Amino acid sequence: MAKQPSKNVNISLATVALEDDISSFTLSVDQEAPVATSFADAGPRRIVGNYDYNLDVGGTADFAASQSDATIFAFVGASSAKAMAVDPTGTTAGSDDPNYDATDVLLSSYSITGSVGGNVDYSANFVGNSALARATS
């Protein structure tokens, strides 16, 4: 398969498409794998546990209604039912185009930065509060 440019990414939070404001993103999944060895083991033995995931996004802030700032700020104090969709190739889920979806994510942090005469940029971190699904069809 050919390399996919990230310029085609589709990212939505609370069903609002934000890819026009996003200049970078990272979706991370951390798997629990605690060591559970006994005296009879020759080396480490691990037990797979639960997983956690988070989404980091950043870009140029758009302060219009239903854009990045308004959408992300609506997560402040919200405790449930905010969906996330990350489509790295920008297309419908398919065998070569996975989509990562969650029904509930929470805002962990949000910052707005800028310099006089420059862009006003933002960065936000969202943490999982439901299962993360990888759809391919």
Protein backbone atom coordinates (compact mmCIF):
# COMPACT_ATOMS: atom_id res chain seq x y z
CA MET A 1 0.00 0.00 0.00
CA ALA A 2 1.18 3.51 -0.75
CA LYS A 3 2.02 5.95 2.00
CA GLN A 4 -0.93 8.08 3.05
CA PRO A 5 -0.52 11.85 3.43
CA SER A 6 -1.84 13.17 6.73
CA LYS A 7 -3.31 16.19 4.93
CA ASN A 8 -6.37 14.03 4.29
CA VAL A 9 -7.09 13.32 7.97
CA ASN A 10 -10.66 13.70 9.27
CA ILE A 11 -11.05 14.35 12.98
CA SER A 12 -14.30 15.11 14.71
CA LEU A 13 -15.12 15.75 18.33
CA ALA A 14 -18.73 15.83 19.53
CA THR A 15 -19.66 15.30 15.84
CA VAL A 16 -17.99 18.59 14.79
CA ALA A 17 -15.35 18.23 12.06
CA LEU A 18 -12.17 19.99 13.17
CA GLU A 19 -9.66 18.90 10.55
CA ASP A 20 -9.65 22.34 8.93
CA ASP A 21 -8.16 23.79 12.17
CA ILE A 22 -5.88 20.90 13.14
CA SER A 23 -2.23 20.96 12.08
CA SER A 24 -1.08 17.99 14.19
CA PHE A 25 -2.59 15.04 15.99
CA THR A 26 -1.49 11.96 17.92
CA LEU A 27 -3.72 9.05 18.87
CA SER A 28 -2.00 6.91 21.52
CA VAL A 29 -3.08 3.56 22.95
CA ASP A 30 -1.38 2.29 26.10
CA GLN A 31 -1.81 -1.39 26.93
CA GLU A 32 -1.47 -2.66 30.50
CA ALA A 33 1.06 -5.47 30.67
CA PRO A 34 2.04 -6.01 34.32
CA VAL A 35 4.74 -8.54 35.12
CA ALA A 36 3.42 -11.63 36.90
CA THR A 37 6.43 -13.90 37.29
CA SER A 38 6.96 -16.68 39.77
CA PHE A 39 10.11 -18.42 40.99
CA ALA A 40 9.71 -21.10 38.31
CA ASP A 41 9.76 -18.63 35.41
CA ALA A 42 12.98 -18.20 33.42
CA GLY A 43 12.12 -14.61 32.53
CA PRO A 44 9.34 -12.08 32.77
CA ARG A 45 5.78 -13.23 32.15
CA ARG A 46 3.16 -10.60 31.49
CA ILE A 47 -0.60 -10.53 31.79
CA VAL A 48 -2.47 -8.34 29.33
CA GLY A 49 -4.88 -6.04 31.10
CA ASN A 50 -7.03 -3.13 30.08
CA TYR A 51 -5.92 -0.32 27.78
CA ASP A 52 -6.14 3.44 27.80
CA TYR A 53 -6.05 5.88 24.90
CA ASN A 54 -5.75 9.59 24.35
CA LEU A 55 -5.90 12.05 21.48
CA ASP A 56 -3.66 15.10 21.29
CA VAL A 57 -4.64 17.75 18.75
CA GLY A 58 -3.22 21.14 17.96
CA GLY A 59 -3.56 23.85 15.39
CA THR A 60 -4.55 27.42 14.67
CA ALA A 61 -7.48 28.51 16.83
CA ASP A 62 -10.75 29.38 15.13
CA PHE A 63 -13.06 31.32 17.45
CA ALA A 64 -16.17 31.13 15.23
CA ALA A 65 -19.20 29.21 16.47
CA SER A 66 -18.94 25.43 15.96
CA GLN A 67 -15.20 25.59 15.30
CA SER A 68 -12.17 24.49 17.33
CA ASP A 69 -12.38 26.78 20.38
CA ALA A 70 -16.14 26.53 20.90
CA THR A 71 -16.17 22.77 20.33
CA ILE A 72 -13.24 22.01 22.61
CA PHE A 73 -14.30 24.43 25.34
CA ALA A 74 -17.71 22.67 25.49
CA PHE A 75 -15.79 19.67 26.88
CA VAL A 76 -14.76 21.67 29.99
CA GLY A 77 -16.76 20.24 32.89
CA ALA A 78 -18.56 17.72 30.66
CA SER A 79 -18.46 14.25 32.17
CA SER A 80 -19.85 12.04 29.42
CA ALA A 81 -21.27 11.44 25.95
CA LYS A 82 -18.81 13.30 23.73
CA ALA A 83 -17.85 11.25 20.69
CA MET A 84 -14.49 11.15 18.90
CA ALA A 85 -13.69 10.01 15.36
CA VAL A 86 -10.19 9.84 13.85
CA ASP A 87 -9.92 8.89 10.19
CA PRO A 88 -6.18 9.08 9.38
CA THR A 89 -6.64 8.64 5.63
CA GLY A 90 -9.68 10.91 5.37
CA THR A 91 -11.87 8.26 3.79
CA THR A 92 -14.65 5.90 4.78
CA ALA A 93 -13.52 2.88 6.76
CA GLY A 94 -12.11 0.17 4.49
CA SER A 95 -9.47 -2.56 4.49
CA ASP A 96 -6.70 0.00 3.89
CA ASP A 97 -8.44 2.92 5.61
CA PRO A 98 -9.04 2.30 9.33
CA ASN A 99 -11.23 4.66 11.34
CA TYR A 100 -10.81 4.94 15.11
CA ASP A 101 -13.99 5.81 16.95
CA ALA A 102 -15.06 6.25 20.55
CA THR A 103 -18.46 7.10 21.95
CA ASP A 104 -17.11 9.00 24.93
CA VAL A 105 -13.92 11.01 25.52
CA LEU A 106 -13.14 13.58 28.19
CA LEU A 107 -11.02 16.70 27.98
CA SER A 108 -7.83 16.39 29.99
CA SER A 109 -6.20 19.72 29.07
CA TYR A 110 -6.68 22.69 26.75
CA SER A 111 -4.33 25.60 26.12
CA ILE A 112 -4.34 28.63 23.85
CA THR A 113 -1.05 30.35 23.02
CA GLY A 114 -0.03 33.19 20.81
CA SER A 115 2.45 35.94 20.18
CA VAL A 116 1.83 39.49 19.09
CA GLY A 117 1.61 39.56 15.31
CA GLY A 118 1.48 35.76 15.05
CA ASN A 119 -1.09 32.99 15.07
CA VAL A 120 -3.19 32.09 18.05
CA ASP A 121 -2.67 28.35 18.43
CA TYR A 122 -4.30 25.76 20.62
CA SER A 123 -3.53 22.30 21.90
CA ALA A 124 -5.86 19.86 23.62
CA ASN A 125 -5.64 16.40 25.10
CA PHE A 126 -8.61 14.06 25.27
CA VAL A 127 -8.68 10.81 27.25
CA GLY A 128 -10.82 7.76 26.63
CA ASN A 129 -13.95 7.12 28.67
CA SER A 130 -15.30 4.24 26.56
CA ALA A 131 -14.02 1.52 24.26
CA LEU A 132 -11.94 2.51 21.22
CA ALA A 133 -13.07 0.81 18.03
CA ARG A 134 -10.98 0.30 14.89
CA ALA A 135 -13.37 0.03 11.96
CA THR A 136 -12.25 -1.23 8.55
CA SER A 137 -15.59 -1.61 6.78
